[in-house]
Amino acid sequence: IAYAKLARVALKLKRWEQAEHAAGKALDLATAEFSMPQELRLETAFAGANCARQRKRFEAAARFYSAALALAPTPAELAEAVAWLEPHDLNPLWPAHVRSTLGDLARRLGHGP
């Protein structure tokens, strides 16, 4: 859980490399022995994906998005993720990208058309 919290802090500080690394470590350590709440895993996966994308590490971003997909988030969890992710980038196109990406994820999970 400490790595997940570190990822969130580093993301807020726009320290993309540190946040991506911490998110990866958090998800790697999140096993049955070291459980992490689903909501925190989901936020961590999205944080890692955001940071990897910022660093133009698209394969790493895809792995983080795959981790999020594997968690099979509910529509409510996806809605919370949108609200959490949107303010983390100043690019005016970012909110639309977040909504589009999470909408695609929702469709893949069978949560809508």
Protein backbone atom coordinates (compact mmCIF):
# COMPACT_ATOMS: atom_id res chain seq x y z
CA ILE A 1 0.00 0.00 0.00
CA ALA A 2 2.94 2.31 0.66
CA TYR A 3 4.04 2.10 -2.98
CA ALA A 4 0.48 2.88 -4.13
CA LYS A 5 0.42 5.98 -1.95
CA LEU A 6 3.87 6.98 -3.17
CA ALA A 7 2.62 6.65 -6.76
CA ARG A 8 -0.30 8.99 -6.01
CA VAL A 9 1.96 11.61 -4.43
CA ALA A 10 4.50 11.43 -7.25
CA LEU A 11 1.67 11.71 -9.80
CA LYS A 12 0.38 14.88 -8.14
CA LEU A 13 3.91 16.28 -8.25
CA LYS A 14 4.17 15.28 -11.94
CA ARG A 15 7.17 13.10 -11.22
CA TRP A 16 6.17 10.66 -13.93
CA GLU A 17 9.10 8.25 -13.67
CA GLN A 18 8.88 7.86 -9.90
CA ALA A 19 5.10 7.51 -10.01
CA GLU A 20 5.23 4.88 -12.75
CA HIS A 21 7.89 2.91 -10.87
CA ALA A 22 5.95 3.06 -7.58
CA ALA A 23 2.71 2.03 -9.28
CA GLY A 24 4.42 -0.94 -10.89
CA LYS A 25 5.93 -2.02 -7.56
CA ALA A 26 2.59 -1.65 -5.81
CA LEU A 27 0.82 -3.85 -8.33
CA ASP A 28 3.65 -6.40 -8.33
CA LEU A 29 3.45 -6.68 -4.55
CA ALA A 30 -0.36 -6.83 -4.43
CA THR A 31 -0.77 -10.56 -3.92
CA ALA A 32 -2.91 -12.64 -1.64
CA GLU A 33 -0.24 -12.28 1.04
CA PHE A 34 -0.06 -8.49 0.64
CA SER A 35 -3.60 -7.62 -0.27
CA MET A 36 -4.61 -4.20 -1.53
CA PRO A 37 -8.21 -3.01 -1.80
CA GLN A 38 -9.60 -3.30 -5.34
CA GLU A 39 -10.28 0.45 -5.54
CA LEU A 40 -6.67 1.25 -4.65
CA ARG A 41 -5.39 -1.32 -7.17
CA LEU A 42 -7.54 0.27 -9.85
CA GLU A 43 -6.36 3.80 -9.04
CA THR A 44 -2.77 2.57 -8.99
CA ALA A 45 -3.12 0.88 -12.38
CA PHE A 46 -4.60 4.04 -13.89
CA ALA A 47 -1.90 6.19 -12.25
CA GLY A 48 0.80 3.96 -13.72
CA ALA A 49 -0.83 4.08 -17.14
CA ASN A 50 -1.07 7.88 -17.00
CA CYS A 51 2.59 8.23 -16.06
CA ALA A 52 3.78 5.74 -18.66
CA ARG A 53 1.75 7.62 -21.29
CA GLN A 54 3.25 10.93 -20.18
CA ARG A 55 6.69 9.40 -20.68
CA LYS A 56 5.63 8.02 -24.10
CA ARG A 57 6.13 4.47 -22.82
CA PHE A 58 3.05 3.14 -24.54
CA GLU A 59 3.78 -0.56 -24.03
CA ALA A 60 4.10 0.05 -20.29
CA ALA A 61 0.86 2.04 -20.36
CA ALA A 62 -0.83 -0.88 -22.11
CA ARG A 63 0.36 -3.24 -19.35
CA PHE A 64 -1.10 -0.94 -16.70
CA TYR A 65 -4.40 -0.70 -18.61
CA SER A 66 -4.40 -4.51 -18.88
CA ALA A 67 -3.98 -4.71 -15.12
CA ALA A 68 -6.98 -2.40 -14.73
CA LEU A 69 -9.01 -4.51 -17.15
CA ALA A 70 -8.13 -7.67 -15.21
CA LEU A 71 -9.65 -6.10 -12.09
CA ALA A 72 -13.03 -5.94 -13.90
CA PRO A 73 -14.07 -2.60 -12.37
CA THR A 74 -17.74 -1.83 -11.91
CA PRO A 75 -19.37 1.14 -13.67
CA ALA A 76 -19.27 3.04 -10.36
CA GLU A 77 -15.52 2.38 -9.98
CA LEU A 78 -14.92 3.57 -13.54
CA ALA A 79 -16.88 6.75 -12.84
CA GLU A 80 -14.71 7.39 -9.77
CA ALA A 81 -11.59 6.78 -11.86
CA VAL A 82 -12.69 9.43 -14.38
CA ALA A 83 -13.13 11.99 -11.62
CA TRP A 84 -9.75 11.07 -10.15
CA LEU A 85 -7.80 11.03 -13.45
CA GLU A 86 -9.17 14.10 -15.25
CA PRO A 87 -7.37 16.77 -13.20
CA HIS A 88 -3.92 15.13 -13.52
CA ASP A 89 -2.95 16.69 -16.84
CA LEU A 90 -3.12 20.26 -18.10
CA ASN A 91 -3.54 19.25 -21.74
CA PRO A 92 -7.02 20.47 -22.77
CA LEU A 93 -7.57 17.20 -24.67
CA TRP A 94 -6.85 15.06 -21.59
CA PRO A 95 -10.39 14.94 -20.08
CA ALA A 96 -11.85 13.72 -23.38
CA HIS A 97 -9.07 11.13 -23.64
CA VAL A 98 -9.79 9.89 -20.10
CA ARG A 99 -13.51 9.58 -20.80
CA SER A 100 -12.87 7.85 -24.13
CA THR A 101 -10.37 5.37 -22.69
CA LEU A 102 -12.51 4.48 -19.69
CA GLY A 103 -15.59 4.29 -21.92
CA ASP A 104 -13.76 1.76 -24.07
CA LEU A 105 -12.80 -0.17 -20.95
CA ALA A 106 -16.43 -0.15 -19.79
CA ARG A 107 -17.56 -1.52 -23.18
CA ARG A 108 -14.93 -4.27 -23.04
CA LEU A 109 -16.26 -5.22 -19.62
CA GLY A 110 -19.82 -5.34 -20.95
CA HIS A 111 -21.02 -2.23 -19.08
CA GLY A 112 -22.65 -0.55 -22.06
CA PRO A 113 -22.94 -0.23 -25.83
